[in-house]
Amino acid sequence: MSFSVQAKAQEALPPGLDQYIENVLKTFEVPGVSISIVKDGKVLLAKGYGIKKLGGNNRVDANTLFSIASNSKAFTATALAILVEEGKLKWDDRVIDHLPWFKMADSYVSTNLTVRDLLVHHSGLLAYSGDLMLFPPSTYSRREILGKLQKLPLVHDFRSTYAYDNILYLAAGEVIKALSGREWEDFVKERIFDKVGMPGSVSRHSEFGNRPNISAAHDRINGKVGLVEDYMEQNIGDASNAAGGILSNANDMANWMITQLDSGRTPSGLELFKPASTNQLWKVIRPIPVSKVSEGLKPAQMDFFGYALGFRAYNYQKYKVVGHGGKLGGFVSQVAMVPDLMLGITVLTNQESTAAYWSIIYHVLDYYENNPKFDWLKAFSDEQILSAARLTESQNKNLIKTDPAGKYDLSIAKLAGKYSDEVYGDVMLIPSGDGLLMEFKQLPHLNASLKYFQYNSFIATLKNKSLKADSYVTFALNADGSVDQVKLKIIDPDSDLTFHDVLLKPAR
């Protein structure tokens, strides 16, 4: 970008934006962000702010890679749109017509689920069903994970209820592979990244640690922001890439938004897809219930909210916004595009603060929408204080008080052994001192040490602290003292994981 072009772009930005963003980082204790703003087909801003890693001084720049997490879903949907235009696929094709082995828990759903259904979160699965196999990754392959779909219960009527899932995006990735002969990762790189102009983006999450210009991951644990030390170790798998595996930066996300806003025409003038595909991608299929925001955030109140194909659509004030969010292991991101203004904003962060990215996005939207000025920084800062208080209250309610009369003389030897869950695989309980070690064969990120708590329960302390998934582990015993089954319940409501569907049975 020449100096004169750069100067004009700066003039078109909200006044004092750089300082505002620095204030956001300081207020919400976010080490670094990467931000893109595009307008009328031009890049107004593609820039990094802050640092890549706490304790260091390496600055984030416009090429620093961040995990965009579930913003990857829009790329999967766009890949399918390309195949639809080529005549290899119809949105309403049944999944089994392309993946004959595909099977869910209900035969009617298995037979009638369409490619469109894969993308809009109304299959009947419980929200986030199967995520324990995805984030952080298990040792299961993509195909093995999908083979377990038939074991995951359907708790809602088919096409009746919005319940966000990731696992069906893996199936969408397999449809792309079946029709193109290319792995999802290769298709996205060759047919999207290379054409849009996203040379720094990576479609294989396992390559993150091999790149020279990457951000570290951070999260707030026990009230203090710190490094997610084992991020690289825990995110080495690629099975879930079609749902949340893409890594990108400010420069590349700017070109992605320009392409989407220009109905498939890339910044270099190539036609990635036709305007008819934009209509399909952005059309709401599954309405999402609209929650009432707190009084302090009243200007952000939506009137409508819905899920399209890999995108969410909602209103901010009088304008429709199309975008998505993403969250994974110490990173959160948000893309917000206003088609009527040809405006797009992407914020990638290296700390799990949604308040940070919304403070920036709403501030920018207000400027271009000519909305009354509103202090989003103060509003979200106040909301964060209230949210922290609510979380503390919830955490306290979730803690079970020790009962002085609740001591049982449980035999560690009788509890030890091999257990199995029909979805999540084998687990070994191994005697260790006065407790047990819990080792998941296929889900090593859940490995933990067990110490006796009370009655027939133990507390599992996970090695992976960033998951916030320490749990109560409760044994149900038979009359002879042998174990009938084992259930887990996460203690901290701030965890992204849930063990509601984990049921361990002694392995025969």
Protein backbone atom coordinates (compact mmCIF):
# COMPACT_ATOMS: atom_id res chain seq x y z
CA MET A 1 0.00 0.00 0.00
CA SER A 2 1.50 3.34 -1.07
CA PHE A 3 1.85 6.20 1.40
CA SER A 4 -0.95 8.26 -0.21
CA VAL A 5 -3.33 5.29 -0.30
CA GLN A 6 -2.44 4.45 3.28
CA ALA A 7 -3.07 8.04 4.36
CA LYS A 8 -6.50 8.05 2.70
CA ALA A 9 -7.36 4.76 4.39
CA GLN A 10 -6.37 6.21 7.75
CA GLU A 11 -8.58 9.26 7.12
CA ALA A 12 -11.56 6.95 6.50
CA LEU A 13 -11.15 5.20 9.87
CA PRO A 14 -12.86 6.25 13.09
CA PRO A 15 -10.82 9.06 14.70
CA GLY A 16 -8.43 7.92 17.42
CA LEU A 17 -8.97 4.24 16.62
CA ASP A 18 -5.41 3.15 17.44
CA GLN A 19 -5.59 4.62 20.93
CA TYR A 20 -9.06 3.20 21.47
CA ILE A 21 -7.83 -0.30 20.62
CA GLU A 22 -4.86 0.08 22.97
CA ASN A 23 -7.31 1.07 25.72
CA VAL A 24 -9.37 -2.05 24.97
CA LEU A 25 -6.30 -4.27 25.33
CA LYS A 26 -5.41 -2.66 28.65
CA THR A 27 -8.96 -2.75 30.04
CA PHE A 28 -9.58 -6.43 29.27
CA GLU A 29 -6.00 -7.65 29.77
CA VAL A 30 -5.66 -8.93 26.22
CA PRO A 31 -1.99 -9.25 25.20
CA GLY A 32 -2.60 -8.81 21.48
CA VAL A 33 -5.13 -8.50 18.66
CA SER A 34 -5.10 -8.57 14.88
CA ILE A 35 -7.70 -6.36 13.18
CA SER A 36 -9.00 -5.94 9.65
CA ILE A 37 -11.46 -3.29 8.43
CA VAL A 38 -12.61 -3.21 4.80
CA LYS A 39 -15.01 -0.79 3.11
CA ASP A 40 -16.25 -0.61 -0.47
CA GLY A 41 -13.74 -3.21 -1.64
CA LYS A 42 -10.75 -1.48 -0.06
CA VAL A 43 -8.62 -2.40 2.95
CA LEU A 44 -8.79 0.46 5.44
CA LEU A 45 -6.92 -1.37 8.19
CA ALA A 46 -4.95 -4.59 8.51
CA LYS A 47 -2.84 -4.28 11.60
CA GLY A 48 -1.62 -5.95 14.75
CA TYR A 49 -1.73 -4.41 18.23
CA GLY A 50 -0.04 -5.50 21.43
CA ILE A 51 2.23 -8.49 21.93
CA LYS A 52 2.17 -12.12 20.84
CA LYS A 53 3.03 -13.57 24.23
CA LEU A 54 2.87 -12.40 27.81
CA GLY A 55 6.34 -11.80 29.20
CA GLY A 56 7.76 -11.10 25.76
CA ASN A 57 8.11 -8.03 23.58
CA ASN A 58 7.40 -9.44 20.10
CA ARG A 59 4.65 -7.28 18.62
CA VAL A 60 1.66 -8.62 16.77
CA ASP A 61 1.71 -7.54 13.11
CA ALA A 62 -0.67 -7.90 10.18
CA ASN A 63 0.79 -11.32 9.30
CA THR A 64 0.77 -12.86 12.79
CA LEU A 65 -1.25 -16.08 12.80
CA PHE A 66 -4.15 -16.60 15.20
CA SER A 67 -6.59 -19.47 15.46
CA ILE A 68 -9.88 -18.29 13.93
CA ALA A 69 -11.61 -21.38 15.40
CA SER A 70 -15.28 -21.64 14.31
CA ASN A 71 -14.92 -18.88 11.75
CA SER A 72 -13.55 -21.82 9.76
CA LYS A 73 -17.15 -22.97 9.25
CA ALA A 74 -17.74 -20.23 6.68
CA PHE A 75 -14.87 -21.64 4.61
CA THR A 76 -16.39 -25.12 4.72
CA ALA A 77 -19.75 -23.74 3.57
CA THR A 78 -18.06 -21.72 0.81
CA ALA A 79 -16.21 -24.83 -0.37
CA LEU A 80 -19.55 -26.63 -0.68
CA ALA A 81 -20.99 -23.64 -2.59
CA ILE A 82 -18.17 -23.95 -5.11
CA LEU A 83 -19.03 -27.63 -5.64
CA VAL A 84 -22.72 -26.74 -6.01
CA GLU A 85 -21.84 -24.28 -8.77
CA GLU A 86 -19.78 -26.96 -10.49
CA GLY A 87 -22.84 -29.20 -10.57
CA LYS A 88 -21.27 -31.85 -8.35
CA LEU A 89 -23.71 -31.26 -5.50
CA LYS A 90 -27.09 -29.82 -4.57
CA TRP A 91 -27.69 -28.23 -1.18
CA ASP A 92 -30.65 -30.53 -0.63
CA ASP A 93 -28.81 -33.73 -1.58
CA ARG A 94 -29.06 -36.36 1.12
CA VAL A 95 -25.77 -36.88 2.93
CA ILE A 96 -26.02 -40.65 2.42
CA ASP A 97 -26.04 -40.12 -1.36
CA HIS A 98 -22.44 -38.95 -1.05
CA LEU A 99 -21.39 -40.75 2.16
CA PRO A 100 -23.21 -44.11 2.08
CA TRP A 101 -21.68 -45.08 5.42
CA PHE A 102 -23.10 -42.03 7.24
CA LYS A 103 -25.37 -42.97 10.13
CA MET A 104 -26.96 -41.17 13.06
CA ALA A 105 -28.88 -42.55 16.05
CA ASP A 106 -32.23 -42.38 14.23
CA SER A 107 -32.75 -44.10 10.87
CA TYR A 108 -35.15 -41.41 9.61
CA VAL A 109 -32.62 -38.66 10.32
CA SER A 110 -29.82 -40.72 8.78
CA THR A 111 -31.85 -41.17 5.60
CA ASN A 112 -33.16 -37.61 5.27
CA LEU A 113 -30.37 -35.37 6.59
CA THR A 114 -29.23 -33.11 3.74
CA VAL A 115 -25.94 -31.35 3.04
CA ARG A 116 -27.66 -28.08 4.02
CA ASP A 117 -28.71 -29.67 7.33
CA LEU A 118 -25.07 -30.44 8.13
CA LEU A 119 -24.35 -26.71 8.43
CA VAL A 120 -27.27 -25.25 10.42
CA HIS A 121 -27.34 -27.01 13.81
CA HIS A 122 -30.82 -28.51 13.85
CA SER A 123 -30.17 -32.23 13.44
CA GLY A 124 -31.53 -33.11 16.89
CA LEU A 125 -28.14 -33.58 18.53
CA LEU A 126 -27.57 -32.06 21.94
CA ALA A 127 -25.54 -28.84 21.74
CA TYR A 128 -21.79 -29.51 21.46
CA SER A 129 -22.41 -33.26 21.29
CA GLY A 130 -19.21 -35.18 20.64
CA ASP A 131 -16.94 -32.20 21.30
CA LEU A 132 -14.82 -34.19 23.75
CA MET A 133 -13.39 -35.96 20.69
CA LEU A 134 -12.64 -32.68 18.91
CA PHE A 135 -11.32 -29.87 21.13
CA PRO A 136 -8.62 -30.61 22.21
CA PRO A 137 -8.26 -33.49 19.78
CA SER A 138 -8.58 -37.15 20.60
CA THR A 139 -6.58 -39.86 18.87
CA TYR A 140 -9.62 -40.74 16.75
CA SER A 141 -9.49 -40.01 13.04
CA ARG A 142 -12.16 -37.87 11.36
CA ARG A 143 -13.82 -40.99 9.96
CA GLU A 144 -13.71 -42.77 13.33
CA ILE A 145 -15.36 -39.78 15.02
CA LEU A 146 -18.13 -39.73 12.44
CA GLY A 147 -18.56 -43.49 12.92
CA LYS A 148 -19.55 -42.72 16.51
CA LEU A 149 -22.39 -40.41 15.48
CA GLN A 150 -24.85 -43.30 15.69
CA LYS A 151 -24.03 -43.59 19.41
CA LEU A 152 -24.80 -39.91 20.14
CA PRO A 153 -28.45 -39.53 21.20
CA LEU A 154 -30.83 -37.19 19.39
CA VAL A 155 -32.59 -35.17 22.08
CA HIS A 156 -34.57 -32.75 19.88
CA ASP A 157 -36.99 -33.34 17.04
CA PHE A 158 -35.34 -33.23 13.62
CA ARG A 159 -35.17 -29.67 12.19
CA SER A 160 -36.96 -28.20 15.18
CA THR A 161 -34.35 -26.75 17.54
CA TYR A 162 -31.14 -24.75 17.23
CA ALA A 163 -28.40 -26.64 19.09
CA TYR A 164 -24.86 -25.73 18.02
CA ASP A 165 -22.64 -28.64 17.04
CA ASN A 166 -19.21 -29.08 15.51
CA ILE A 167 -19.23 -32.75 14.62
CA LEU A 168 -21.48 -32.47 11.55
CA TYR A 169 -19.04 -30.03 9.97
CA LEU A 170 -16.62 -32.96 9.90
CA ALA A 171 -19.17 -34.77 7.75
CA ALA A 172 -19.37 -31.69 5.50
CA GLY A 173 -15.61 -31.93 5.10
CA GLU A 174 -15.93 -35.57 4.09
CA VAL A 175 -18.57 -34.65 1.47
CA ILE A 176 -16.06 -32.18 0.00
CA LYS A 177 -13.44 -34.92 -0.10
CA ALA A 178 -15.81 -37.45 -1.69
CA LEU A 179 -16.83 -35.07 -4.49
CA SER A 180 -13.51 -33.34 -5.18
CA GLY A 181 -11.04 -36.12 -4.50
CA ARG A 182 -9.14 -33.68 -2.30
CA GLU A 183 -8.81 -33.56 1.46
CA TRP A 184 -10.75 -30.66 2.99
CA GLU A 185 -7.48 -28.95 3.95
CA ASP A 186 -6.10 -29.11 0.40
CA PHE A 187 -9.37 -28.00 -1.20
CA VAL A 188 -9.63 -24.97 1.07
CA LYS A 189 -6.04 -23.96 0.41
CA GLU A 190 -6.09 -24.44 -3.35
CA ARG A 191 -9.64 -23.37 -4.17
CA ILE A 192 -10.13 -20.60 -1.59
CA PHE A 193 -6.91 -19.33 0.05
CA ASP A 194 -4.88 -19.25 -3.17
CA LYS A 195 -7.61 -17.51 -5.18
CA VAL A 196 -8.76 -15.02 -2.52
CA GLY A 197 -5.23 -13.95 -1.68
CA MET A 198 -4.63 -15.54 1.70
CA PRO A 199 -1.00 -16.68 1.38
CA GLY A 200 -0.31 -16.72 5.13
CA SER A 201 -3.38 -18.73 6.17
CA VAL A 202 -3.09 -22.37 7.19
CA SER A 203 -5.80 -25.03 6.84
CA ARG A 204 -4.04 -27.65 8.98
CA HIS A 205 -4.08 -26.74 12.64
CA SER A 206 -1.24 -29.18 13.29
CA GLU A 207 1.10 -26.83 11.39
CA PHE A 208 0.57 -23.93 13.79
CA GLY A 209 3.68 -24.52 15.85
CA ASN A 210 5.85 -24.79 12.73
CA ARG A 211 5.11 -21.26 11.54
CA PRO A 212 7.54 -18.42 12.37
CA ASN A 213 5.02 -15.65 13.08
CA ILE A 214 2.40 -16.97 15.49
CA SER A 215 0.59 -15.69 18.54
CA ALA A 216 0.62 -17.58 21.81
CA ALA A 217 -2.67 -18.48 23.52
CA HIS A 218 -3.89 -16.96 26.81
CA ASP A 219 -6.83 -17.41 29.13
CA ARG A 220 -8.09 -16.20 32.47
CA ILE A 221 -7.67 -19.01 35.00
CA ASN A 222 -8.61 -18.45 38.64
CA GLY A 223 -9.05 -14.77 37.88
CA LYS A 224 -5.60 -14.22 36.39
CA VAL A 225 -4.67 -14.02 32.71
CA GLY A 226 -1.84 -16.34 31.80
CA LEU A 227 -0.39 -18.47 29.02
CA VAL A 228 -2.14 -21.61 27.92
CA GLU A 229 1.18 -23.39 28.33
CA ASP A 230 0.18 -26.67 26.68
CA TYR A 231 -1.70 -25.14 23.75
CA MET A 232 0.67 -26.44 21.09
CA GLU A 233 0.74 -29.84 22.74
CA GLN A 234 -3.03 -30.19 23.07
CA ASN A 235 -3.92 -28.92 19.60
CA ILE A 236 -1.87 -31.20 17.39
CA GLY A 237 -4.75 -32.93 15.63
CA ASP A 238 -6.45 -32.17 12.33
CA ALA A 239 -9.67 -34.19 12.58
CA SER A 240 -11.76 -31.12 13.45
CA ASN A 241 -10.26 -28.67 10.93
CA ALA A 242 -13.50 -28.31 8.93
CA ALA A 243 -15.23 -27.09 12.09
CA GLY A 244 -12.53 -24.92 13.62
CA GLY A 245 -8.97 -25.53 12.42
CA ILE A 246 -8.02 -22.56 10.24
CA LEU A 247 -5.23 -20.15 11.23
CA SER A 248 -5.21 -16.69 9.69
CA ASN A 249 -4.10 -13.07 10.04
CA ALA A 250 -5.29 -9.51 9.49
CA ASN A 251 -4.11 -9.22 5.88
CA ASP A 252 -5.73 -12.45 4.75
CA MET A 253 -9.01 -11.93 6.61
CA ALA A 254 -9.33 -8.53 4.91
CA ASN A 255 -9.24 -10.21 1.49
CA TRP A 256 -11.69 -12.88 2.68
CA MET A 257 -14.22 -10.23 3.75
CA ILE A 258 -13.82 -8.27 0.50
CA THR A 259 -14.57 -11.46 -1.44
CA GLN A 260 -17.64 -12.29 0.64
CA LEU A 261 -18.99 -8.72 0.48
CA ASP A 262 -18.45 -8.54 -3.29
CA SER A 263 -20.56 -11.69 -3.89
CA GLY A 264 -17.61 -13.94 -4.57
CA ARG A 265 -15.31 -11.61 -6.51
CA THR A 266 -11.81 -11.56 -5.04
CA PRO A 267 -9.66 -8.42 -4.65
CA SER A 268 -7.73 -9.45 -7.78
CA GLY A 269 -10.93 -9.76 -9.81
CA LEU A 270 -11.27 -13.56 -9.86
CA GLU A 271 -14.74 -15.04 -9.47
CA LEU A 272 -14.61 -17.46 -6.53
CA PHE A 273 -18.38 -18.00 -6.64
CA LYS A 274 -21.46 -16.31 -8.08
CA PRO A 275 -23.89 -13.89 -6.37
CA ALA A 276 -26.49 -16.68 -6.20
CA SER A 277 -24.18 -18.54 -3.81
CA THR A 278 -23.97 -15.47 -1.58
CA ASN A 279 -27.75 -15.59 -1.27
CA GLN A 280 -27.56 -19.23 -0.24
CA LEU A 281 -24.70 -18.72 2.21
CA TRP A 282 -26.29 -15.74 3.98
CA LYS A 283 -29.93 -16.83 4.03
CA VAL A 284 -31.12 -17.74 7.54
CA ILE A 285 -32.24 -21.36 7.76
CA ARG A 286 -32.47 -21.92 11.50
CA PRO A 287 -33.74 -19.09 13.72
CA ILE A 288 -31.83 -18.66 16.99
CA PRO A 289 -33.68 -17.50 20.10
CA VAL A 290 -32.95 -13.83 20.80
CA SER A 291 -31.80 -13.20 24.36
CA LYS A 292 -32.43 -9.93 26.15
CA VAL A 293 -29.20 -8.07 26.81
CA SER A 294 -28.50 -6.31 30.09
CA GLU A 295 -29.57 -2.69 30.44
CA GLY A 296 -25.97 -1.50 30.19
CA LEU A 297 -25.59 -3.06 26.73
CA LYS A 298 -29.01 -2.02 25.44
CA PRO A 299 -27.82 -0.62 22.07
CA ALA A 300 -26.62 -4.14 21.18
CA GLN A 301 -30.10 -5.65 21.52
CA MET A 302 -30.92 -7.77 18.46
CA ASP A 303 -34.35 -7.95 16.86
CA PHE A 304 -33.53 -11.08 14.87
CA PHE A 305 -30.84 -13.74 14.98
CA GLY A 306 -30.38 -16.82 12.85
CA TYR A 307 -27.97 -19.37 11.43
CA ALA A 308 -27.28 -19.47 7.71
CA LEU A 309 -24.71 -21.70 5.98
CA GLY A 310 -21.55 -21.32 8.04
CA PHE A 311 -22.55 -17.76 8.96
CA ARG A 312 -24.80 -16.13 11.54
CA ALA A 313 -27.06 -13.24 10.58
CA TYR A 314 -28.51 -10.65 12.95
CA ASN A 315 -29.21 -6.95 13.13
CA TYR A 316 -27.20 -4.24 14.80
CA GLN A 317 -29.41 -1.18 14.99
CA LYS A 318 -31.03 -0.81 11.54
CA TYR A 319 -28.49 -2.86 9.57
CA LYS A 320 -28.18 -6.58 8.90
CA VAL A 321 -24.85 -8.08 9.98
CA VAL A 322 -23.42 -11.35 8.65
CA GLY A 323 -20.56 -13.04 10.45
CA HIS A 324 -19.51 -15.62 13.01
CA GLY A 325 -17.46 -16.05 16.16
CA GLY A 326 -14.77 -18.49 17.15
CA LYS A 327 -13.27 -19.77 20.39
CA LEU A 328 -10.52 -22.32 20.86
CA GLY A 329 -7.89 -22.89 23.51
CA GLY A 330 -7.02 -19.29 24.43
CA PHE A 331 -8.12 -17.54 21.23
CA VAL A 332 -11.42 -15.86 20.39
CA SER A 333 -12.36 -14.15 17.13
CA GLN A 334 -15.29 -12.39 15.53
CA VAL A 335 -16.14 -11.45 11.95
CA ALA A 336 -18.90 -8.86 11.34
CA MET A 337 -19.90 -7.76 7.83
CA VAL A 338 -22.59 -5.20 6.93
CA PRO A 339 -23.56 -5.90 3.31
CA ASP A 340 -25.55 -2.68 2.85
CA LEU A 341 -22.48 -0.63 3.77
CA MET A 342 -19.94 -2.93 2.07
CA LEU A 343 -18.23 -2.93 5.47
CA GLY A 344 -16.35 -5.77 7.13
CA ILE A 345 -14.55 -6.05 10.48
CA THR A 346 -12.48 -8.95 11.80
CA VAL A 347 -10.97 -9.04 15.27
CA LEU A 348 -8.64 -11.91 16.21
CA THR A 349 -7.51 -12.05 19.86
CA ASN A 350 -5.03 -14.11 21.86
CA GLN A 351 -7.04 -14.05 25.09
CA GLU A 352 -10.54 -15.37 25.61
CA SER A 353 -12.22 -11.98 26.01
CA THR A 354 -15.36 -11.56 23.95
CA ALA A 355 -15.78 -8.15 25.60
CA ALA A 356 -12.60 -7.01 23.84
CA TYR A 357 -13.71 -7.86 20.33
CA TRP A 358 -17.26 -6.56 20.78
CA SER A 359 -15.96 -3.29 22.24
CA ILE A 360 -13.98 -2.79 19.05
CA ILE A 361 -16.62 -4.02 16.60
CA TYR A 362 -19.51 -1.98 17.99
CA HIS A 363 -17.31 1.12 18.19
CA VAL A 364 -16.42 0.75 14.50
CA LEU A 365 -19.98 -0.11 13.46
CA ASP A 366 -21.31 2.98 15.22
CA TYR A 367 -18.96 5.18 13.25
CA TYR A 368 -19.94 3.86 9.83
CA GLU A 369 -23.65 3.48 10.69
CA ASN A 370 -23.75 7.06 12.04
CA ASN A 371 -25.20 5.84 15.32
CA PRO A 372 -25.23 7.97 18.48
CA LYS A 373 -21.95 7.74 20.38
CA PHE A 374 -21.87 5.07 23.08
CA ASP A 375 -19.09 4.15 25.50
CA TRP A 376 -18.70 0.45 24.69
CA LEU A 377 -15.46 0.22 26.63
CA LYS A 378 -17.16 1.25 29.87
CA ALA A 379 -20.28 -0.79 29.11
CA PHE A 380 -18.38 -4.02 28.57
CA SER A 381 -16.03 -3.29 31.46
CA ASP A 382 -19.04 -2.92 33.77
CA GLU A 383 -20.58 -6.07 32.28
CA GLN A 384 -17.35 -8.00 32.85
CA ILE A 385 -17.42 -7.08 36.55
CA LEU A 386 -21.03 -8.27 36.82
CA SER A 387 -20.24 -11.42 34.84
CA ALA A 388 -17.30 -12.24 37.11
CA ALA A 389 -19.57 -11.88 40.14
CA ARG A 390 -22.18 -14.16 38.53
CA LEU A 391 -19.49 -16.72 37.73
CA THR A 392 -18.17 -16.69 41.29
CA GLU A 393 -21.70 -17.21 42.59
CA SER A 394 -22.23 -20.07 40.15
CA GLN A 395 -18.90 -21.65 41.07
CA ASN A 396 -19.75 -21.47 44.75
CA LYS A 397 -23.14 -23.09 44.12
CA ASN A 398 -21.49 -25.84 42.13
CA LEU A 399 -19.14 -26.79 44.95
CA ILE A 400 -20.35 -29.64 47.13
CA LYS A 401 -19.65 -29.14 50.82
CA THR A 402 -17.91 -31.91 52.66
CA ASP A 403 -20.19 -33.99 54.87
CA PRO A 404 -18.40 -35.06 58.09
CA ALA A 405 -20.44 -38.27 58.02
CA GLY A 406 -19.72 -38.94 54.35
CA LYS A 407 -16.62 -41.13 54.62
CA TYR A 408 -16.82 -44.58 53.09
CA ASP A 409 -14.13 -47.22 53.26
CA LEU A 410 -13.75 -47.77 49.52
CA SER A 411 -11.22 -50.27 48.26
CA ILE A 412 -8.91 -48.66 45.73
CA ALA A 413 -8.07 -52.12 44.43
CA LYS A 414 -11.73 -52.85 43.68
CA LEU A 415 -12.19 -49.53 41.89
CA ALA A 416 -9.07 -49.87 39.74
CA GLY A 417 -9.19 -51.51 36.35
CA LYS A 418 -10.22 -50.99 32.75
CA TYR A 419 -13.41 -49.08 31.92
CA SER A 420 -15.02 -48.14 28.64
CA ASP A 421 -17.44 -45.58 27.22
CA GLU A 422 -19.13 -46.60 23.96
CA VAL A 423 -18.38 -43.22 22.37
CA TYR A 424 -15.21 -42.00 24.05
CA GLY A 425 -13.32 -45.26 24.35
CA ASP A 426 -11.22 -46.97 26.99
CA VAL A 427 -10.16 -45.55 30.36
CA MET A 428 -7.75 -47.05 32.84
CA LEU A 429 -8.00 -46.40 36.58
CA ILE A 430 -4.62 -47.17 38.07
CA PRO A 431 -3.81 -47.23 41.82
CA SER A 432 -1.49 -44.39 42.77
CA GLY A 433 -0.65 -43.71 46.42
CA ASP A 434 -3.91 -43.25 48.25
CA GLY A 435 -5.80 -42.44 45.03
CA LEU A 436 -6.03 -43.35 41.37
CA LEU A 437 -4.76 -42.16 38.01
CA MET A 438 -7.41 -41.82 35.30
CA GLU A 439 -6.00 -42.33 31.82
CA PHE A 440 -8.16 -41.97 28.70
CA LYS A 441 -6.66 -43.97 25.85
CA GLN A 442 -8.27 -41.94 23.08
CA LEU A 443 -8.71 -38.60 24.92
CA PRO A 444 -5.36 -37.99 26.63
CA HIS A 445 -6.20 -34.33 27.39
CA LEU A 446 -8.64 -35.64 30.03
CA ASN A 447 -6.04 -37.60 32.00
CA ALA A 448 -6.25 -36.82 35.71
CA SER A 449 -5.36 -37.86 39.24
CA LEU A 450 -8.21 -38.94 41.54
CA LYS A 451 -8.29 -38.24 45.27
CA TYR A 452 -11.05 -39.45 47.56
CA PHE A 453 -13.68 -36.82 48.37
CA GLN A 454 -16.62 -38.34 50.26
CA TYR A 455 -19.25 -41.08 50.05
CA ASN A 456 -18.55 -42.91 46.79
CA SER A 457 -16.98 -39.92 45.04
CA PHE A 458 -13.50 -38.71 44.12
CA ILE A 459 -12.23 -35.41 42.76
CA ALA A 460 -10.39 -35.63 39.44
CA THR A 461 -7.65 -33.04 38.97
CA LEU A 462 -6.76 -32.79 35.28
CA LYS A 463 -3.19 -32.34 34.14
CA ASN A 464 -4.48 -29.85 31.55
CA LYS A 465 -5.38 -26.89 33.78
CA SER A 466 -6.50 -24.67 30.89
CA LEU A 467 -9.58 -26.87 30.31
CA LYS A 468 -10.98 -25.91 33.75
CA ALA A 469 -12.45 -29.40 33.83
CA ASP A 470 -11.62 -30.79 37.29
CA SER A 471 -14.54 -33.05 38.13
CA TYR A 472 -16.47 -35.07 40.64
CA VAL A 473 -16.10 -38.75 39.79
CA THR A 474 -18.84 -40.89 41.28
CA PHE A 475 -18.86 -44.68 41.45
CA ALA A 476 -22.14 -46.61 41.48
CA LEU A 477 -21.57 -49.96 43.21
CA ASN A 478 -23.22 -53.33 42.99
CA ALA A 479 -24.32 -55.17 46.14
CA ASP A 480 -21.04 -57.09 46.25
CA GLY A 481 -18.98 -53.87 46.17
CA SER A 482 -17.95 -54.19 42.53
CA VAL A 483 -18.37 -51.16 40.26
CA ASP A 484 -21.51 -50.91 38.16
CA GLN A 485 -20.77 -47.58 36.45
CA VAL A 486 -18.87 -44.30 36.82
CA LYS A 487 -20.11 -40.76 36.07
CA LEU A 488 -18.17 -37.50 35.83
CA LYS A 489 -19.42 -33.98 36.54
CA ILE A 490 -17.31 -30.88 35.89
CA ILE A 491 -16.96 -28.65 38.95
CA ASP A 492 -16.24 -25.28 37.31
CA PRO A 493 -19.15 -23.83 35.28
CA ASP A 494 -16.58 -21.73 33.40
CA SER A 495 -15.33 -24.81 31.55
CA ASP A 496 -16.13 -25.19 27.85
CA LEU A 497 -16.34 -28.97 28.26
CA THR A 498 -19.17 -31.13 29.53
CA PHE A 499 -19.18 -34.74 30.69
CA HIS A 500 -22.96 -35.12 30.64
CA ASP A 501 -22.81 -38.00 28.15
CA VAL A 502 -19.78 -39.83 29.58
CA LEU A 503 -20.71 -43.11 31.28
CA LEU A 504 -17.90 -45.49 32.13
CA LYS A 505 -18.64 -49.18 32.47
CA PRO A 506 -16.21 -51.84 33.67
CA ALA A 507 -14.70 -53.47 30.59
CA ARG A 508 -15.27 -57.18 30.30
